[in-house]
Amino acid sequence: MLAGVPVHVIHRGNNRQDCFYKDQDRDFYLFHLGRQLARARCALHAYCLMTNHVHLLLTARSVDGCALLMKHVSQLHTQYVNKTYGRSGSLWEGRFRSCLVQSEEYLLACYRYIELNPVRAKLVREPRDYQWSSFRGHALGEYDPLVRDHEAYLALGLDPQERQAAYRALFDTELDPEFVAALRAATQGGWAFGPDDFKQLVAQLAGRRAEPMRRGRPPKVRGAV
């Protein structure tokens, strides 16, 4: 993690089991997510609560902010679900998966990926029809106390109405399947998601690799035997 760099987070149910059974469960999660965002010094830009996993796009002001946020929210939600439904044991699939996202070119596409999840899962026909995401705040101007708009979203227009119209227009075209596959792979692997110069910068700042090793044989060195 890097402070000040947006991160896409996905947290799945253990063995892909459900994390939410009723609307009140999602209300509980969002309520405590809102409480913990301030404590962890994180700003939430987009989200979507599916039946058995959660997508968040956020920026933390400290290196450990995202980890602290997810730890406390997942613990509270596990305790709530176990008590409410008479179950025991782990609810979540261990540690969350995440990737740092380059804000200039990739961030708004990540917004769309997150908010289109219910459409891809065939739960609704349009993202506006799903109650448990940030889409209606971004596209329709509905008040959402959890969301703090990122600069990339604010740059879409000079006023809220202009930004909402520009945001809706982004959904007129489908996301590139290669983009979707790359985002999923980066999130699963914990890699940086963006162009090469962004990955190089992340690697330099984090002191570790920011992308997987290239496939194929290593190049031959002249003079080697």
C-alpha atoms as a PDB file:
ATOM      1  CA  MET A   1       0.000   0.000   0.000  1.00  0.00           C
ATOM      2  CA  LEU A   2       1.007   3.606  -0.563  1.00  0.00           C
ATOM      3  CA  ALA A   3      -0.536   6.582   1.185  1.00  0.00           C
ATOM      4  CA  GLY A   4      -2.468   8.840  -1.154  1.00  0.00           C
ATOM      5  CA  VAL A   5      -2.749   6.326  -4.016  1.00  0.00           C
ATOM      6  CA  PRO A   6      -6.231   4.901  -4.818  1.00  0.00           C
ATOM      7  CA  VAL A   7      -6.656   1.198  -4.145  1.00  0.00           C
ATOM      8  CA  HIS A   8      -9.265  -1.261  -5.446  1.00  0.00           C
ATOM      9  CA  VAL A   9     -10.270  -3.746  -2.748  1.00  0.00           C
ATOM     10  CA  ILE A  10     -12.253  -6.947  -3.039  1.00  0.00           C
ATOM     11  CA  HIS A  11     -13.198  -9.086  -0.034  1.00  0.00           C
ATOM     12  CA  ARG A  12     -14.958 -12.393  -0.633  1.00  0.00           C
ATOM     13  CA  GLY A  13     -16.924 -14.669   1.615  1.00  0.00           C
ATOM     14  CA  ASN A  14     -15.144 -17.792   2.862  1.00  0.00           C
ATOM     15  CA  ASN A  15     -15.450 -20.487   0.174  1.00  0.00           C
ATOM     16  CA  ARG A  16     -17.466 -17.859  -1.726  1.00  0.00           C
ATOM     17  CA  GLN A  17     -20.329 -18.196   0.746  1.00  0.00           C
ATOM     18  CA  ASP A  18     -22.811 -15.371   1.239  1.00  0.00           C
ATOM     19  CA  CYS A  19     -21.803 -12.414   3.406  1.00  0.00           C
ATOM     20  CA  PHE A  20     -25.197 -10.722   3.201  1.00  0.00           C
ATOM     21  CA  TYR A  21     -28.533 -12.482   3.635  1.00  0.00           C
ATOM     22  CA  LYS A  22     -30.930  -9.573   4.025  1.00  0.00           C
ATOM     23  CA  ASP A  23     -30.957  -5.847   3.329  1.00  0.00           C
ATOM     24  CA  GLN A  24     -30.415  -5.143   7.016  1.00  0.00           C
ATOM     25  CA  ASP A  25     -27.053  -6.939   6.746  1.00  0.00           C
ATOM     26  CA  ARG A  26     -25.922  -4.542   4.043  1.00  0.00           C
ATOM     27  CA  ASP A  27     -27.192  -1.608   6.090  1.00  0.00           C
ATOM     28  CA  PHE A  28     -25.086  -2.822   9.016  1.00  0.00           C
ATOM     29  CA  TYR A  29     -21.970  -3.160   6.852  1.00  0.00           C
ATOM     30  CA  LEU A  30     -22.336   0.296   5.308  1.00  0.00           C
ATOM     31  CA  PHE A  31     -23.047   1.939   8.657  1.00  0.00           C
ATOM     32  CA  HIS A  32     -19.867   0.570  10.202  1.00  0.00           C
ATOM     33  CA  LEU A  33     -17.898   1.133   7.018  1.00  0.00           C
ATOM     34  CA  GLY A  34     -18.783   4.809   7.340  1.00  0.00           C
ATOM     35  CA  ARG A  35     -17.692   4.886  10.984  1.00  0.00           C
ATOM     36  CA  GLN A  36     -14.391   3.159  10.312  1.00  0.00           C
ATOM     37  CA  LEU A  37     -13.493   5.237   7.242  1.00  0.00           C
ATOM     38  CA  ALA A  38     -12.886   8.279   9.402  1.00  0.00           C
ATOM     39  CA  ARG A  39     -10.971   6.326  12.042  1.00  0.00           C
ATOM     40  CA  ALA A  40      -8.713   4.713   9.434  1.00  0.00           C
ATOM     41  CA  ARG A  41      -8.282   8.043   7.613  1.00  0.00           C
ATOM     42  CA  CYS A  42      -9.609   6.656   4.341  1.00  0.00           C
ATOM     43  CA  ALA A  43     -11.727   8.300   1.643  1.00  0.00           C
ATOM     44  CA  LEU A  44     -14.197   6.030  -0.182  1.00  0.00           C
ATOM     45  CA  HIS A  45     -14.727   6.820  -3.871  1.00  0.00           C
ATOM     46  CA  ALA A  46     -16.857   3.890  -5.098  1.00  0.00           C
ATOM     47  CA  TYR A  47     -18.337   0.677  -3.716  1.00  0.00           C
ATOM     48  CA  CYS A  48     -20.625  -2.238  -4.435  1.00  0.00           C
ATOM     49  CA  LEU A  49     -21.962  -4.864  -2.025  1.00  0.00           C
ATOM     50  CA  MET A  50     -22.699  -8.116  -3.811  1.00  0.00           C
ATOM     51  CA  THR A  51     -24.166 -11.210  -2.151  1.00  0.00           C
ATOM     52  CA  ASN A  52     -20.871 -12.933  -1.415  1.00  0.00           C
ATOM     53  CA  HIS A  53     -18.241 -10.222  -1.847  1.00  0.00           C
ATOM     54  CA  VAL A  54     -17.531  -6.514  -1.544  1.00  0.00           C
ATOM     55  CA  HIS A  55     -15.824  -4.047  -3.892  1.00  0.00           C
ATOM     56  CA  LEU A  56     -14.353  -0.807  -2.560  1.00  0.00           C
ATOM     57  CA  LEU A  57     -12.293   1.920  -4.215  1.00  0.00           C
ATOM     58  CA  LEU A  58     -10.610   4.142  -1.658  1.00  0.00           C
ATOM     59  CA  THR A  59      -7.608   6.267  -0.838  1.00  0.00           C
ATOM     60  CA  ALA A  60      -5.857   5.970   2.512  1.00  0.00           C
ATOM     61  CA  ARG A  61      -3.860   8.779   4.100  1.00  0.00           C
ATOM     62  CA  SER A  62      -1.485   6.299   5.740  1.00  0.00           C
ATOM     63  CA  VAL A  63       0.232   3.114   4.594  1.00  0.00           C
ATOM     64  CA  ASP A  64      -1.762   0.916   6.996  1.00  0.00           C
ATOM     65  CA  GLY A  65      -5.082   2.755   6.662  1.00  0.00           C
ATOM     66  CA  CYS A  66      -6.711   0.324   4.229  1.00  0.00           C
ATOM     67  CA  ALA A  67      -5.650  -2.736   6.242  1.00  0.00           C
ATOM     68  CA  LEU A  68      -7.003  -1.223   9.458  1.00  0.00           C
ATOM     69  CA  LEU A  69     -10.278  -0.332   7.776  1.00  0.00           C
ATOM     70  CA  MET A  70     -10.836  -3.808   6.375  1.00  0.00           C
ATOM     71  CA  LYS A  71      -9.803  -5.509   9.609  1.00  0.00           C
ATOM     72  CA  HIS A  72     -12.285  -3.626  11.776  1.00  0.00           C
ATOM     73  CA  VAL A  73     -15.201  -3.675   9.335  1.00  0.00           C
ATOM     74  CA  SER A  74     -14.840  -7.384   8.586  1.00  0.00           C
ATOM     75  CA  GLN A  75     -14.574  -8.266  12.286  1.00  0.00           C
ATOM     76  CA  LEU A  76     -17.667  -6.268  13.175  1.00  0.00           C
ATOM     77  CA  HIS A  77     -19.645  -7.747  10.306  1.00  0.00           C
ATOM     78  CA  THR A  78     -18.588 -11.301  11.163  1.00  0.00           C
ATOM     79  CA  GLN A  79     -19.674 -10.847  14.774  1.00  0.00           C
ATOM     80  CA  TYR A  80     -22.995  -9.396  13.636  1.00  0.00           C
ATOM     81  CA  VAL A  81     -23.743 -12.181  11.110  1.00  0.00           C
ATOM     82  CA  ASN A  82     -22.725 -14.956  13.509  1.00  0.00           C
ATOM     83  CA  LYS A  83     -24.924 -13.554  16.267  1.00  0.00           C
ATOM     84  CA  THR A  84     -27.886 -12.760  14.000  1.00  0.00           C
ATOM     85  CA  TYR A  85     -27.974 -16.080  12.163  1.00  0.00           C
ATOM     86  CA  GLY A  86     -26.662 -18.432  14.853  1.00  0.00           C
ATOM     87  CA  ARG A  87     -23.507 -19.375  13.018  1.00  0.00           C
ATOM     88  CA  SER A  88     -19.849 -19.529  14.028  1.00  0.00           C
ATOM     89  CA  GLY A  89     -16.429 -19.367  12.452  1.00  0.00           C
ATOM     90  CA  SER A  90     -14.938 -17.239   9.720  1.00  0.00           C
ATOM     91  CA  LEU A  91     -17.197 -15.345   7.355  1.00  0.00           C
ATOM     92  CA  TRP A  92     -14.537 -13.864   5.068  1.00  0.00           C
ATOM     93  CA  GLU A  93     -11.948 -15.501   2.846  1.00  0.00           C
ATOM     94  CA  GLY A  94      -8.901 -14.455   4.860  1.00  0.00           C
ATOM     95  CA  ARG A  95      -7.195 -11.254   3.833  1.00  0.00           C
ATOM     96  CA  PHE A  96      -8.778  -8.979   1.253  1.00  0.00           C
ATOM     97  CA  ARG A  97      -7.304  -8.675  -2.267  1.00  0.00           C
ATOM     98  CA  SER A  98      -6.252  -5.294  -3.605  1.00  0.00           C
ATOM     99  CA  CYS A  99      -4.340  -3.330  -6.222  1.00  0.00           C
ATOM    100  CA  LEU A 100      -3.120   0.249  -6.438  1.00  0.00           C
ATOM    101  CA  VAL A 101      -4.811   2.126  -9.300  1.00  0.00           C
ATOM    102  CA  GLN A 102      -3.334   4.903 -11.414  1.00  0.00           C
ATOM    103  CA  SER A 103      -5.740   7.806 -11.071  1.00  0.00           C
ATOM    104  CA  GLU A 104      -5.196   9.748 -14.275  1.00  0.00           C
ATOM    105  CA  GLU A 105      -6.296   7.141 -16.818  1.00  0.00           C
ATOM    106  CA  TYR A 106      -7.588   4.091 -14.973  1.00  0.00           C
ATOM    107  CA  LEU A 107      -9.603   5.303 -12.001  1.00  0.00           C
ATOM    108  CA  LEU A 108     -12.947   6.136 -13.632  1.00  0.00           C
ATOM    109  CA  ALA A 109     -12.856   2.838 -15.512  1.00  0.00           C
ATOM    110  CA  CYS A 110     -12.393   1.158 -12.142  1.00  0.00           C
ATOM    111  CA  TYR A 111     -15.458   3.074 -10.886  1.00  0.00           C
ATOM    112  CA  ARG A 112     -17.424   1.586 -13.790  1.00  0.00           C
ATOM    113  CA  TYR A 113     -16.081  -1.918 -13.217  1.00  0.00           C
ATOM    114  CA  ILE A 114     -17.203  -1.817  -9.582  1.00  0.00           C
ATOM    115  CA  GLU A 115     -20.654  -0.363 -10.233  1.00  0.00           C
ATOM    116  CA  LEU A 116     -21.339  -2.705 -13.167  1.00  0.00           C
ATOM    117  CA  ASN A 117     -20.875  -5.811 -11.029  1.00  0.00           C
ATOM    118  CA  PRO A 118     -24.640  -6.337 -10.474  1.00  0.00           C
ATOM    119  CA  VAL A 119     -25.221  -6.048 -14.236  1.00  0.00           C
ATOM    120  CA  ARG A 120     -22.509  -8.601 -15.038  1.00  0.00           C
ATOM    121  CA  ALA A 121     -24.027 -10.915 -12.418  1.00  0.00           C
ATOM    122  CA  LYS A 122     -27.453 -10.431 -14.067  1.00  0.00           C
ATOM    123  CA  LEU A 123     -29.011  -9.158 -10.849  1.00  0.00           C
ATOM    124  CA  VAL A 124     -30.268  -6.024 -12.621  1.00  0.00           C
ATOM    125  CA  ARG A 125     -30.392  -4.709 -16.176  1.00  0.00           C
ATOM    126  CA  GLU A 126     -29.034  -1.245 -15.389  1.00  0.00           C
ATOM    127  CA  PRO A 127     -26.600  -0.159 -12.638  1.00  0.00           C
ATOM    128  CA  ARG A 128     -29.130   2.443 -11.467  1.00  0.00           C
ATOM    129  CA  ASP A 129     -31.468  -0.409 -10.493  1.00  0.00           C
ATOM    130  CA  TYR A 130     -29.077  -1.724  -7.827  1.00  0.00           C
ATOM    131  CA  GLN A 131     -29.432  -0.133  -4.417  1.00  0.00           C
ATOM    132  CA  TRP A 132     -26.162  -1.254  -2.857  1.00  0.00           C
ATOM    133  CA  SER A 133     -23.582   0.598  -4.913  1.00  0.00           C
ATOM    134  CA  SER A 134     -22.308   4.130  -5.385  1.00  0.00           C
ATOM    135  CA  PHE A 135     -23.675   4.459  -8.932  1.00  0.00           C
ATOM    136  CA  ARG A 136     -26.784   6.482  -8.118  1.00  0.00           C
ATOM    137  CA  GLY A 137     -24.716   9.017  -6.232  1.00  0.00           C
ATOM    138  CA  HIS A 138     -22.277   9.456  -9.095  1.00  0.00           C
ATOM    139  CA  ALA A 139     -24.753   9.322 -11.969  1.00  0.00           C
ATOM    140  CA  LEU A 140     -28.025  10.598 -10.530  1.00  0.00           C
ATOM    141  CA  GLY A 141     -26.947  12.913  -7.734  1.00  0.00           C
ATOM    142  CA  GLU A 142     -28.474  10.927  -4.877  1.00  0.00           C
ATOM    143  CA  TYR A 143     -26.900  11.864  -1.564  1.00  0.00           C
ATOM    144  CA  ASP A 144     -24.436   9.231  -0.350  1.00  0.00           C
ATOM    145  CA  PRO A 145     -22.745  10.098   2.963  1.00  0.00           C
ATOM    146  CA  LEU A 146     -20.058   7.438   2.472  1.00  0.00           C
ATOM    147  CA  VAL A 147     -18.556   8.744  -0.756  1.00  0.00           C
ATOM    148  CA  ARG A 148     -15.902  11.432  -1.135  1.00  0.00           C
ATOM    149  CA  ASP A 149     -15.447  12.309  -4.784  1.00  0.00           C
ATOM    150  CA  HIS A 150     -11.986  11.799  -6.234  1.00  0.00           C
ATOM    151  CA  GLU A 151     -10.393  14.554  -8.302  1.00  0.00           C
ATOM    152  CA  ALA A 152     -10.772  12.403 -11.426  1.00  0.00           C
ATOM    153  CA  TYR A 153     -14.554  12.411 -10.944  1.00  0.00           C
ATOM    154  CA  LEU A 154     -14.686  16.110 -10.082  1.00  0.00           C
ATOM    155  CA  ALA A 155     -12.829  16.890 -13.321  1.00  0.00           C
ATOM    156  CA  LEU A 156     -15.780  15.556 -15.347  1.00  0.00           C
ATOM    157  CA  GLY A 157     -17.637  18.872 -15.108  1.00  0.00           C
ATOM    158  CA  LEU A 158     -17.899  22.306 -13.576  1.00  0.00           C
ATOM    159  CA  ASP A 159     -20.986  21.530 -11.476  1.00  0.00           C
ATOM    160  CA  PRO A 160     -22.746  18.402 -10.136  1.00  0.00           C
ATOM    161  CA  GLN A 161     -25.227  18.183 -13.013  1.00  0.00           C
ATOM    162  CA  GLU A 162     -22.469  18.367 -15.623  1.00  0.00           C
ATOM    163  CA  ARG A 163     -20.415  15.742 -13.806  1.00  0.00           C
ATOM    164  CA  GLN A 164     -23.382  13.394 -13.469  1.00  0.00           C
ATOM    165  CA  ALA A 165     -24.228  13.675 -17.174  1.00  0.00           C
ATOM    166  CA  ALA A 166     -20.612  13.057 -18.167  1.00  0.00           C
ATOM    167  CA  TYR A 167     -20.437  10.087 -15.816  1.00  0.00           C
ATOM    168  CA  ARG A 168     -23.612   8.529 -17.229  1.00  0.00           C
ATOM    169  CA  ALA A 169     -22.162   8.932 -20.723  1.00  0.00           C
ATOM    170  CA  LEU A 170     -19.199   6.765 -19.733  1.00  0.00           C
ATOM    171  CA  PHE A 171     -21.588   3.838 -19.399  1.00  0.00           C
ATOM    172  CA  ASP A 172     -22.719   4.131 -23.025  1.00  0.00           C
ATOM    173  CA  THR A 173     -19.713   2.021 -24.026  1.00  0.00           C
ATOM    174  CA  GLU A 174     -18.773  -1.357 -22.607  1.00  0.00           C
ATOM    175  CA  LEU A 175     -15.595  -1.876 -20.657  1.00  0.00           C
ATOM    176  CA  ASP A 176     -12.817  -3.452 -22.678  1.00  0.00           C
ATOM    177  CA  PRO A 177     -12.637  -7.181 -21.741  1.00  0.00           C
ATOM    178  CA  GLU A 178      -8.849  -6.897 -21.619  1.00  0.00           C
ATOM    179  CA  PHE A 179      -9.173  -4.070 -19.103  1.00  0.00           C
ATOM    180  CA  VAL A 180     -11.496  -6.185 -16.948  1.00  0.00           C
ATOM    181  CA  ALA A 181      -9.152  -9.177 -17.086  1.00  0.00           C
ATOM    182  CA  ALA A 182      -6.129  -7.027 -16.247  1.00  0.00           C
ATOM    183  CA  LEU A 183      -7.886  -5.367 -13.294  1.00  0.00           C
ATOM    184  CA  ARG A 184      -8.961  -8.739 -11.905  1.00  0.00           C
ATOM    185  CA  ALA A 185      -5.456 -10.137 -12.271  1.00  0.00           C
ATOM    186  CA  ALA A 186      -3.864  -7.101 -10.606  1.00  0.00           C
ATOM    187  CA  THR A 187      -6.337  -7.215  -7.711  1.00  0.00           C
ATOM    188  CA  GLN A 188      -5.878 -10.946  -7.207  1.00  0.00           C
ATOM    189  CA  GLY A 189      -2.098 -10.659  -7.306  1.00  0.00           C
ATOM    190  CA  GLY A 190      -1.732  -7.439  -5.348  1.00  0.00           C
ATOM    191  CA  TRP A 191      -0.030  -5.673  -8.266  1.00  0.00           C
ATOM    192  CA  ALA A 192      -0.155  -2.047  -9.377  1.00  0.00           C
ATOM    193  CA  PHE A 193      -2.761  -1.321 -12.061  1.00  0.00           C
ATOM    194  CA  GLY A 194      -1.783   1.265 -14.636  1.00  0.00           C
ATOM    195  CA  PRO A 195       0.780   2.048 -17.339  1.00  0.00           C
ATOM    196  CA  ASP A 196       4.409   0.960 -17.062  1.00  0.00           C
ATOM    197  CA  ASP A 197       5.664   4.256 -15.639  1.00  0.00           C
ATOM    198  CA  PHE A 198       3.095   4.017 -12.831  1.00  0.00           C
ATOM    199  CA  LYS A 199       4.162   0.449 -12.028  1.00  0.00           C
ATOM    200  CA  GLN A 200       7.798   1.528 -11.976  1.00  0.00           C
ATOM    201  CA  LEU A 201       7.004   4.400  -9.615  1.00  0.00           C
ATOM    202  CA  VAL A 202       5.050   2.114  -7.279  1.00  0.00           C
ATOM    203  CA  ALA A 203       7.893  -0.406  -7.261  1.00  0.00           C
ATOM    204  CA  GLN A 204      10.373   2.339  -6.417  1.00  0.00           C
ATOM    205  CA  LEU A 205       8.267   3.801  -3.611  1.00  0.00           C
ATOM    206  CA  ALA A 206       7.149   0.469  -2.161  1.00  0.00           C
ATOM    207  CA  GLY A 207      10.534  -1.225  -2.499  1.00  0.00           C
ATOM    208  CA  ARG A 208       9.078  -4.327  -4.136  1.00  0.00           C
ATOM    209  CA  ARG A 209       7.871  -5.623  -7.487  1.00  0.00           C
ATOM    210  CA  ALA A 210       4.671  -3.972  -8.689  1.00  0.00           C
ATOM    211  CA  GLU A 211       3.875  -6.408 -11.505  1.00  0.00           C
ATOM    212  CA  PRO A 212       4.329 -10.140 -12.142  1.00  0.00           C
ATOM    213  CA  MET A 213       7.379 -11.535 -13.874  1.00  0.00           C
ATOM    214  CA  ARG A 214       7.168 -11.664 -17.644  1.00  0.00           C
ATOM    215  CA  ARG A 215       6.272 -15.058 -19.009  1.00  0.00           C
ATOM    216  CA  GLY A 216       8.582 -16.967 -21.270  1.00  0.00           C
ATOM    217  CA  ARG A 217      12.258 -17.820 -21.197  1.00  0.00           C
ATOM    218  CA  PRO A 218      14.683 -15.215 -19.914  1.00  0.00           C
ATOM    219  CA  PRO A 219      16.706 -13.514 -22.661  1.00  0.00           C
ATOM    220  CA  LYS A 220      20.009 -15.153 -23.535  1.00  0.00           C
ATOM    221  CA  VAL A 221      23.167 -13.386 -22.475  1.00  0.00           C
ATOM    222  CA  ARG A 222      25.880 -13.248 -25.110  1.00  0.00           C
ATOM    223  CA  GLY A 223      28.954 -15.217 -24.204  1.00  0.00           C
ATOM    224  CA  ALA A 224      27.095 -17.506 -21.738  1.00  0.00           C
ATOM    225  CA  VAL A 225      27.675 -21.243 -22.082  1.00  0.00           C
END
